[in-house]
Amino acid sequence: MSTILDKIIADKAKEVAQRKATLTIEALTLTDGFARKCMSLKKRLLTSDSGIISEFKRKSPSLGWIHEHADVCSVTAGYSDAGASGISILTDLPYFGGTPEDLIVARERITCPVLRKDFTIDEYQLYEAKSMGADVILLIAAALTPKENRALARKAKELGLDVLLEVHNRQELDHANEFVDMLGVNNRNLKTFEVSTQVSFDLASLIPDQFVKVSESGISNVETVRELREAGYNGFLMGENFMKYENPALALKEFIQKLTA
């Protein structure tokens, strides 16, 4: 039985094939973005007071539109000024309402590491991410084999990018490899879209200490972040909690003030 993730990956394969036919890897390596030195989100999370990775996301498959007309430059610049440890920007259009241009135009105003949030299935997307100005790429265990994950993580490190590997259960921890910097536990099951932060707590002790632990999705209050931190997490990826407000950056600022008080 196919899932929404299966459909997303099938559509992504067609999308990437079209882009590869339009712009070569060589052309991507000649862009200004490709020449910049990446910042390390892993290092930033290890020294951050908050560990918040705030996400710019206009919509999602589970909720539909969250903030349809949000301006990526003003929101992400506000996130950066508010003290985000990192910023995640969706570059998938059909399912999340984002584009590569969102990341490109936002990069100039952001002073913290940027994660390109997308469904990475092809090495070509790593070159794209670096040319856009991203510092970090996401690999989703549920969408790749362990061999594919390792190959993509290795190439990302060769390009100077940090690697965030996303898992949802114990079995997917087998996808971790020596080229991964951060291991993210997605509290949302990408096949059923059920959400529970208990997933992060259940997997915390099973994640090797070599990986910086990141809890993703379903986090909405300061107390949960504090509890997750006690469980060993250094990063907390939050999108909908801020994007549902008229001023997402202000919502982040107020959240960080409460968290660090």
C-alpha atoms as a PDB file:
ATOM      1  CA  MET A   1       0.000   0.000   0.000  1.00  0.00           C
ATOM      2  CA  SER A   2       1.511   3.324  -1.076  1.00  0.00           C
ATOM      3  CA  THR A   3       1.782   6.264   1.305  1.00  0.00           C
ATOM      4  CA  ILE A   4       1.957  10.043   0.888  1.00  0.00           C
ATOM      5  CA  LEU A   5       5.736   9.735   1.280  1.00  0.00           C
ATOM      6  CA  ASP A   6       5.867   7.290  -1.642  1.00  0.00           C
ATOM      7  CA  LYS A   7       3.951   9.762  -3.807  1.00  0.00           C
ATOM      8  CA  ILE A   8       6.194  12.663  -2.732  1.00  0.00           C
ATOM      9  CA  ILE A   9       9.345  10.705  -3.594  1.00  0.00           C
ATOM     10  CA  ALA A  10       7.957   9.628  -6.979  1.00  0.00           C
ATOM     11  CA  ASP A  11       7.061  13.230  -7.814  1.00  0.00           C
ATOM     12  CA  LYS A  12      10.461  14.431  -6.561  1.00  0.00           C
ATOM     13  CA  ALA A  13      12.282  12.025  -8.888  1.00  0.00           C
ATOM     14  CA  LYS A  14      10.460  13.527 -11.885  1.00  0.00           C
ATOM     15  CA  GLU A  15      11.129  17.067 -10.655  1.00  0.00           C
ATOM     16  CA  VAL A  16      14.866  16.445 -10.185  1.00  0.00           C
ATOM     17  CA  ALA A  17      15.146  14.834 -13.624  1.00  0.00           C
ATOM     18  CA  GLN A  18      13.622  17.942 -15.201  1.00  0.00           C
ATOM     19  CA  ARG A  19      15.991  20.265 -13.335  1.00  0.00           C
ATOM     20  CA  LYS A  20      19.024  18.159 -14.248  1.00  0.00           C
ATOM     21  CA  ALA A  21      18.059  18.533 -17.903  1.00  0.00           C
ATOM     22  CA  THR A  22      17.873  22.320 -17.494  1.00  0.00           C
ATOM     23  CA  LEU A  23      20.972  23.149 -15.445  1.00  0.00           C
ATOM     24  CA  THR A  24      24.148  21.065 -15.240  1.00  0.00           C
ATOM     25  CA  ILE A  25      26.174  20.323 -12.107  1.00  0.00           C
ATOM     26  CA  GLU A  26      29.050  22.233 -13.674  1.00  0.00           C
ATOM     27  CA  ALA A  27      26.844  25.317 -13.972  1.00  0.00           C
ATOM     28  CA  LEU A  28      25.834  24.983 -10.326  1.00  0.00           C
ATOM     29  CA  THR A  29      29.489  24.913  -9.236  1.00  0.00           C
ATOM     30  CA  LEU A  30      30.081  28.268 -10.948  1.00  0.00           C
ATOM     31  CA  THR A  31      27.463  30.140  -8.917  1.00  0.00           C
ATOM     32  CA  ASP A  32      28.324  32.634  -6.152  1.00  0.00           C
ATOM     33  CA  GLY A  33      26.468  30.538  -3.606  1.00  0.00           C
ATOM     34  CA  PHE A  34      28.561  27.479  -4.357  1.00  0.00           C
ATOM     35  CA  ALA A  35      31.763  29.396  -3.634  1.00  0.00           C
ATOM     36  CA  ARG A  36      30.825  30.455  -0.100  1.00  0.00           C
ATOM     37  CA  LYS A  37      32.134  28.586   2.928  1.00  0.00           C
ATOM     38  CA  CYS A  38      29.388  26.785   4.805  1.00  0.00           C
ATOM     39  CA  MET A  39      28.638  27.366   8.484  1.00  0.00           C
ATOM     40  CA  SER A  40      28.289  24.368  10.788  1.00  0.00           C
ATOM     41  CA  LEU A  41      24.876  23.865  12.355  1.00  0.00           C
ATOM     42  CA  LYS A  42      26.307  21.042  14.443  1.00  0.00           C
ATOM     43  CA  LYS A  43      28.814  23.388  16.094  1.00  0.00           C
ATOM     44  CA  ARG A  44      26.191  26.108  16.526  1.00  0.00           C
ATOM     45  CA  LEU A  45      23.802  23.744  18.318  1.00  0.00           C
ATOM     46  CA  LEU A  46      26.515  22.584  20.716  1.00  0.00           C
ATOM     47  CA  THR A  47      27.129  26.159  21.876  1.00  0.00           C
ATOM     48  CA  SER A  48      23.595  27.610  21.624  1.00  0.00           C
ATOM     49  CA  ASP A  49      21.478  28.736  24.561  1.00  0.00           C
ATOM     50  CA  SER A  50      18.229  27.750  22.839  1.00  0.00           C
ATOM     51  CA  GLY A  51      19.009  25.212  20.117  1.00  0.00           C
ATOM     52  CA  ILE A  52      15.941  26.338  18.163  1.00  0.00           C
ATOM     53  CA  ILE A  53      15.984  25.657  14.417  1.00  0.00           C
ATOM     54  CA  SER A  54      13.065  27.768  13.241  1.00  0.00           C
ATOM     55  CA  GLU A  55      11.430  26.742  10.004  1.00  0.00           C
ATOM     56  CA  PHE A  56       9.950  28.762   7.172  1.00  0.00           C
ATOM     57  CA  LYS A  57       7.033  26.699   5.896  1.00  0.00           C
ATOM     58  CA  ARG A  58       3.984  28.023   4.069  1.00  0.00           C
ATOM     59  CA  LYS A  59       2.042  24.756   4.039  1.00  0.00           C
ATOM     60  CA  SER A  60       2.284  21.035   4.724  1.00  0.00           C
ATOM     61  CA  PRO A  61       0.590  17.889   3.379  1.00  0.00           C
ATOM     62  CA  SER A  62      -1.070  17.283   6.746  1.00  0.00           C
ATOM     63  CA  LEU A  63      -2.347  20.813   7.482  1.00  0.00           C
ATOM     64  CA  GLY A  64      -2.613  22.494   4.109  1.00  0.00           C
ATOM     65  CA  TRP A  65      -1.834  26.217   4.082  1.00  0.00           C
ATOM     66  CA  ILE A  66      -0.350  27.515   7.337  1.00  0.00           C
ATOM     67  CA  HIS A  67       0.801  30.987   6.249  1.00  0.00           C
ATOM     68  CA  GLU A  68       0.250  31.187   2.509  1.00  0.00           C
ATOM     69  CA  HIS A  69       1.486  34.724   1.862  1.00  0.00           C
ATOM     70  CA  ALA A  70       4.408  34.818   4.300  1.00  0.00           C
ATOM     71  CA  ASP A  71       7.412  36.737   2.972  1.00  0.00           C
ATOM     72  CA  VAL A  72      10.505  34.575   3.210  1.00  0.00           C
ATOM     73  CA  CYS A  73      12.969  37.461   3.523  1.00  0.00           C
ATOM     74  CA  SER A  74      11.223  39.277   6.369  1.00  0.00           C
ATOM     75  CA  VAL A  75      10.385  36.095   8.300  1.00  0.00           C
ATOM     76  CA  THR A  76      13.811  34.475   8.067  1.00  0.00           C
ATOM     77  CA  ALA A  77      15.667  37.722   8.721  1.00  0.00           C
ATOM     78  CA  GLY A  78      13.444  38.127  11.767  1.00  0.00           C
ATOM     79  CA  TYR A  79      14.229  34.575  12.837  1.00  0.00           C
ATOM     80  CA  SER A  80      17.934  35.292  12.524  1.00  0.00           C
ATOM     81  CA  ASP A  81      17.683  38.549  14.490  1.00  0.00           C
ATOM     82  CA  ALA A  82      15.571  36.835  17.172  1.00  0.00           C
ATOM     83  CA  GLY A  83      18.381  34.393  17.925  1.00  0.00           C
ATOM     84  CA  ALA A  84      17.584  31.242  15.991  1.00  0.00           C
ATOM     85  CA  SER A  85      20.419  28.709  16.157  1.00  0.00           C
ATOM     86  CA  GLY A  86      19.582  27.681  12.621  1.00  0.00           C
ATOM     87  CA  ILE A  87      16.889  28.251  10.017  1.00  0.00           C
ATOM     88  CA  SER A  88      15.153  25.598   7.931  1.00  0.00           C
ATOM     89  CA  ILE A  89      13.718  26.652   4.583  1.00  0.00           C
ATOM     90  CA  LEU A  90      11.401  24.399   2.568  1.00  0.00           C
ATOM     91  CA  THR A  91      12.275  24.301  -1.131  1.00  0.00           C
ATOM     92  CA  ASP A  92       9.542  21.867  -2.207  1.00  0.00           C
ATOM     93  CA  LEU A  93       6.692  23.565  -4.078  1.00  0.00           C
ATOM     94  CA  PRO A  94       3.868  21.007  -4.546  1.00  0.00           C
ATOM     95  CA  TYR A  95       3.628  19.845  -0.947  1.00  0.00           C
ATOM     96  CA  PHE A  96       5.119  22.692   1.103  1.00  0.00           C
ATOM     97  CA  GLY A  97       4.716  25.825  -1.000  1.00  0.00           C
ATOM     98  CA  GLY A  98       8.446  26.557  -1.088  1.00  0.00           C
ATOM     99  CA  THR A  99      10.968  27.146  -3.867  1.00  0.00           C
ATOM    100  CA  PRO A 100      14.763  27.161  -4.270  1.00  0.00           C
ATOM    101  CA  GLU A 101      14.467  30.905  -4.812  1.00  0.00           C
ATOM    102  CA  ASP A 102      13.145  31.243  -1.250  1.00  0.00           C
ATOM    103  CA  LEU A 103      16.467  30.038   0.111  1.00  0.00           C
ATOM    104  CA  ILE A 104      18.562  32.012  -2.362  1.00  0.00           C
ATOM    105  CA  VAL A 105      16.932  35.372  -1.593  1.00  0.00           C
ATOM    106  CA  ALA A 106      16.773  34.766   2.165  1.00  0.00           C
ATOM    107  CA  ARG A 107      20.409  33.744   2.532  1.00  0.00           C
ATOM    108  CA  GLU A 108      21.790  37.295   2.367  1.00  0.00           C
ATOM    109  CA  ARG A 109      19.996  38.444   5.542  1.00  0.00           C
ATOM    110  CA  ILE A 110      20.603  35.319   7.628  1.00  0.00           C
ATOM    111  CA  THR A 111      23.594  35.150   9.961  1.00  0.00           C
ATOM    112  CA  CYS A 112      23.068  31.567  11.207  1.00  0.00           C
ATOM    113  CA  PRO A 113      23.328  28.206   9.411  1.00  0.00           C
ATOM    114  CA  VAL A 114      20.570  27.367   6.917  1.00  0.00           C
ATOM    115  CA  LEU A 115      19.087  23.933   6.313  1.00  0.00           C
ATOM    116  CA  ARG A 116      17.687  23.158   2.895  1.00  0.00           C
ATOM    117  CA  LYS A 117      14.550  21.214   3.825  1.00  0.00           C
ATOM    118  CA  ASP A 118      13.542  18.970   0.962  1.00  0.00           C
ATOM    119  CA  PHE A 119      13.352  15.334  -0.054  1.00  0.00           C
ATOM    120  CA  THR A 120      16.920  14.598  -1.096  1.00  0.00           C
ATOM    121  CA  ILE A 121      17.167  11.520  -3.308  1.00  0.00           C
ATOM    122  CA  ASP A 122      19.866  12.483  -5.818  1.00  0.00           C
ATOM    123  CA  GLU A 123      23.444  13.781  -5.619  1.00  0.00           C
ATOM    124  CA  TYR A 124      22.411  16.611  -7.936  1.00  0.00           C
ATOM    125  CA  GLN A 125      20.331  18.100  -5.106  1.00  0.00           C
ATOM    126  CA  LEU A 126      23.447  18.420  -2.945  1.00  0.00           C
ATOM    127  CA  TYR A 127      25.088  20.629  -5.552  1.00  0.00           C
ATOM    128  CA  GLU A 128      21.845  22.590  -5.793  1.00  0.00           C
ATOM    129  CA  ALA A 129      21.748  23.084  -2.023  1.00  0.00           C
ATOM    130  CA  LYS A 130      25.273  24.444  -1.903  1.00  0.00           C
ATOM    131  CA  SER A 131      24.673  26.745  -4.873  1.00  0.00           C
ATOM    132  CA  MET A 132      21.563  28.136  -3.126  1.00  0.00           C
ATOM    133  CA  GLY A 133      23.633  29.049  -0.081  1.00  0.00           C
ATOM    134  CA  ALA A 134      22.542  26.218   2.212  1.00  0.00           C
ATOM    135  CA  ASP A 135      24.842  24.984   4.982  1.00  0.00           C
ATOM    136  CA  VAL A 136      22.997  21.786   5.833  1.00  0.00           C
ATOM    137  CA  ILE A 137      21.079  19.128   3.922  1.00  0.00           C
ATOM    138  CA  LEU A 138      18.417  16.739   5.145  1.00  0.00           C
ATOM    139  CA  LEU A 139      18.437  13.013   4.459  1.00  0.00           C
ATOM    140  CA  ILE A 140      15.301  11.053   5.362  1.00  0.00           C
ATOM    141  CA  ALA A 141      15.888   7.436   6.337  1.00  0.00           C
ATOM    142  CA  ALA A 142      12.348   6.438   5.354  1.00  0.00           C
ATOM    143  CA  ALA A 143      12.966   7.636   1.788  1.00  0.00           C
ATOM    144  CA  LEU A 144      16.366   6.020   1.187  1.00  0.00           C
ATOM    145  CA  THR A 145      18.267   2.783   1.703  1.00  0.00           C
ATOM    146  CA  PRO A 146      21.196   2.778   4.164  1.00  0.00           C
ATOM    147  CA  LYS A 147      23.559   2.529   1.171  1.00  0.00           C
ATOM    148  CA  GLU A 148      21.938   5.531  -0.534  1.00  0.00           C
ATOM    149  CA  ASN A 149      22.036   7.514   2.712  1.00  0.00           C
ATOM    150  CA  ARG A 150      25.731   6.841   3.190  1.00  0.00           C
ATOM    151  CA  ALA A 151      26.623   7.774  -0.380  1.00  0.00           C
ATOM    152  CA  LEU A 152      24.673  11.038  -0.220  1.00  0.00           C
ATOM    153  CA  ALA A 153      26.053  11.919   3.225  1.00  0.00           C
ATOM    154  CA  ARG A 154      29.590  11.287   2.051  1.00  0.00           C
ATOM    155  CA  LYS A 155      29.177  13.523  -1.007  1.00  0.00           C
ATOM    156  CA  ALA A 156      27.570  16.250   1.125  1.00  0.00           C
ATOM    157  CA  LYS A 157      30.597  16.262   3.432  1.00  0.00           C
ATOM    158  CA  GLU A 158      32.901  16.473   0.399  1.00  0.00           C
ATOM    159  CA  LEU A 159      31.014  19.622  -0.603  1.00  0.00           C
ATOM    160  CA  GLY A 160      31.383  21.099   2.902  1.00  0.00           C
ATOM    161  CA  LEU A 161      27.746  20.652   3.926  1.00  0.00           C
ATOM    162  CA  ASP A 162      26.549  19.451   7.323  1.00  0.00           C
ATOM    163  CA  VAL A 163      24.260  16.412   7.249  1.00  0.00           C
ATOM    164  CA  LEU A 164      21.062  16.000   9.256  1.00  0.00           C
ATOM    165  CA  LEU A 165      19.743  12.436   9.070  1.00  0.00           C
ATOM    166  CA  GLU A 166      16.078  12.083   9.972  1.00  0.00           C
ATOM    167  CA  VAL A 167      14.652   8.923  11.531  1.00  0.00           C
ATOM    168  CA  HIS A 168      11.338   8.002  13.078  1.00  0.00           C
ATOM    169  CA  ASN A 169      11.889   4.605  14.665  1.00  0.00           C
ATOM    170  CA  ARG A 170      14.521   2.289  16.079  1.00  0.00           C
ATOM    171  CA  GLN A 171      15.020   0.401  12.822  1.00  0.00           C
ATOM    172  CA  GLU A 172      15.931   3.584  10.929  1.00  0.00           C
ATOM    173  CA  LEU A 173      18.815   4.238  13.321  1.00  0.00           C
ATOM    174  CA  ASP A 174      20.702   1.657  11.234  1.00  0.00           C
ATOM    175  CA  HIS A 175      20.955   4.333   8.523  1.00  0.00           C
ATOM    176  CA  ALA A 176      23.369   6.376  10.664  1.00  0.00           C
ATOM    177  CA  ASN A 177      26.933   6.483   9.352  1.00  0.00           C
ATOM    178  CA  GLU A 178      30.225   8.267   9.906  1.00  0.00           C
ATOM    179  CA  PHE A 179      29.345  11.104   7.504  1.00  0.00           C
ATOM    180  CA  VAL A 180      26.258  12.195   9.474  1.00  0.00           C
ATOM    181  CA  ASP A 181      26.606  15.209  11.806  1.00  0.00           C
ATOM    182  CA  MET A 182      23.170  15.370  13.418  1.00  0.00           C
ATOM    183  CA  LEU A 183      20.525  12.758  13.955  1.00  0.00           C
ATOM    184  CA  GLY A 184      17.015  14.154  13.875  1.00  0.00           C
ATOM    185  CA  VAL A 185      14.059  12.307  15.334  1.00  0.00           C
ATOM    186  CA  ASN A 186      10.893  13.277  13.515  1.00  0.00           C
ATOM    187  CA  ASN A 187       7.984  13.106  15.935  1.00  0.00           C
ATOM    188  CA  ARG A 188       5.665  13.033  12.913  1.00  0.00           C
ATOM    189  CA  ASN A 189       5.363   9.675  11.182  1.00  0.00           C
ATOM    190  CA  LEU A 190       5.790  10.539   7.485  1.00  0.00           C
ATOM    191  CA  LYS A 191       3.615   7.604   6.475  1.00  0.00           C
ATOM    192  CA  THR A 192       0.645   8.242   8.786  1.00  0.00           C
ATOM    193  CA  PHE A 193       1.322  11.872   9.848  1.00  0.00           C
ATOM    194  CA  GLU A 194       0.606  10.996  13.471  1.00  0.00           C
ATOM    195  CA  VAL A 195       2.619  13.215  15.853  1.00  0.00           C
ATOM    196  CA  SER A 196       4.020  12.429  19.307  1.00  0.00           C
ATOM    197  CA  THR A 197       7.099  13.870  21.009  1.00  0.00           C
ATOM    198  CA  GLN A 198       7.303  10.582  22.907  1.00  0.00           C
ATOM    199  CA  VAL A 199       9.122   9.239  19.854  1.00  0.00           C
ATOM    200  CA  SER A 200      12.075  11.516  20.670  1.00  0.00           C
ATOM    201  CA  PHE A 201      12.136  10.430  24.291  1.00  0.00           C
ATOM    202  CA  ASP A 202      11.954   6.743  23.313  1.00  0.00           C
ATOM    203  CA  LEU A 203      14.895   6.976  20.907  1.00  0.00           C
ATOM    204  CA  ALA A 204      17.129   9.388  22.869  1.00  0.00           C
ATOM    205  CA  SER A 205      19.195   6.775  24.699  1.00  0.00           C
ATOM    206  CA  LEU A 206      19.618   4.683  21.532  1.00  0.00           C
ATOM    207  CA  ILE A 207      21.342   7.442  19.539  1.00  0.00           C
ATOM    208  CA  PRO A 208      25.163   7.223  19.695  1.00  0.00           C
ATOM    209  CA  ASP A 209      26.819  10.214  21.351  1.00  0.00           C
ATOM    210  CA  GLN A 210      28.822  11.030  18.205  1.00  0.00           C
ATOM    211  CA  PHE A 211      25.669  12.547  16.714  1.00  0.00           C
ATOM    212  CA  VAL A 212      24.109  15.810  17.855  1.00  0.00           C
ATOM    213  CA  LYS A 213      20.492  14.970  18.645  1.00  0.00           C
ATOM    214  CA  VAL A 214      17.689  17.033  17.112  1.00  0.00           C
ATOM    215  CA  SER A 215      13.980  16.655  17.890  1.00  0.00           C
ATOM    216  CA  GLU A 216      11.690  17.619  15.016  1.00  0.00           C
ATOM    217  CA  SER A 217       7.978  18.433  14.751  1.00  0.00           C
ATOM    218  CA  GLY A 218       5.176  18.609  17.288  1.00  0.00           C
ATOM    219  CA  ILE A 219       7.063  20.860  19.723  1.00  0.00           C
ATOM    220  CA  SER A 220       4.947  23.764  20.924  1.00  0.00           C
ATOM    221  CA  ASN A 221       5.944  24.710  24.467  1.00  0.00           C
ATOM    222  CA  VAL A 222       9.021  25.650  26.452  1.00  0.00           C
ATOM    223  CA  GLU A 223       8.644  22.844  28.984  1.00  0.00           C
ATOM    224  CA  THR A 224       8.851  20.208  26.242  1.00  0.00           C
ATOM    225  CA  VAL A 225      12.103  21.725  24.986  1.00  0.00           C
ATOM    226  CA  ARG A 226      13.538  21.670  28.500  1.00  0.00           C
ATOM    227  CA  GLU A 227      12.533  18.030  28.966  1.00  0.00           C
ATOM    228  CA  LEU A 228      14.013  17.073  25.595  1.00  0.00           C
ATOM    229  CA  ARG A 229      17.235  18.864  26.506  1.00  0.00           C
ATOM    230  CA  GLU A 230      17.454  16.819  29.696  1.00  0.00           C
ATOM    231  CA  ALA A 231      17.016  13.711  27.541  1.00  0.00           C
ATOM    232  CA  GLY A 232      20.098  14.699  25.523  1.00  0.00           C
ATOM    233  CA  TYR A 233      18.797  16.808  22.657  1.00  0.00           C
ATOM    234  CA  ASN A 234      20.680  19.934  21.525  1.00  0.00           C
ATOM    235  CA  GLY A 235      18.442  20.938  18.623  1.00  0.00           C
ATOM    236  CA  PHE A 236      14.707  21.537  18.279  1.00  0.00           C
ATOM    237  CA  LEU A 237      13.245  22.017  14.803  1.00  0.00           C
ATOM    238  CA  MET A 238      10.036  24.038  15.012  1.00  0.00           C
ATOM    239  CA  GLY A 239       7.981  25.328  12.095  1.00  0.00           C
ATOM    240  CA  GLU A 240       4.218  25.278  12.450  1.00  0.00           C
ATOM    241  CA  ASN A 241       4.394  26.605  16.015  1.00  0.00           C
ATOM    242  CA  PHE A 242       5.787  29.904  14.726  1.00  0.00           C
ATOM    243  CA  MET A 243       4.405  30.040  11.174  1.00  0.00           C
ATOM    244  CA  LYS A 244       0.798  29.972  12.408  1.00  0.00           C
ATOM    245  CA  TYR A 245       1.278  33.490  13.813  1.00  0.00           C
ATOM    246  CA  GLU A 246       0.971  36.718  11.845  1.00  0.00           C
ATOM    247  CA  ASN A 247       4.536  37.548  12.928  1.00  0.00           C
ATOM    248  CA  PRO A 248       6.502  34.268  13.131  1.00  0.00           C
ATOM    249  CA  ALA A 249       9.746  35.997  14.096  1.00  0.00           C
ATOM    250  CA  LEU A 250       8.127  37.720  17.076  1.00  0.00           C
ATOM    251  CA  ALA A 251       6.665  34.377  18.169  1.00  0.00           C
ATOM    252  CA  LEU A 252      10.164  32.868  18.034  1.00  0.00           C
ATOM    253  CA  LYS A 253      11.670  35.781  19.966  1.00  0.00           C
ATOM    254  CA  GLU A 254       9.106  35.434  22.745  1.00  0.00           C
ATOM    255  CA  PHE A 255       9.605  31.658  22.859  1.00  0.00           C
ATOM    256  CA  ILE A 256      13.385  31.997  23.207  1.00  0.00           C
ATOM    257  CA  GLN A 257      12.965  34.643  25.940  1.00  0.00           C
ATOM    258  CA  LYS A 258      10.815  32.228  27.947  1.00  0.00           C
ATOM    259  CA  LEU A 259      13.172  29.329  27.295  1.00  0.00           C
ATOM    260  CA  THR A 260      16.318  31.168  28.379  1.00  0.00           C
ATOM    261  CA  ALA A 261      14.765  33.098  31.274  1.00  0.00           C
END
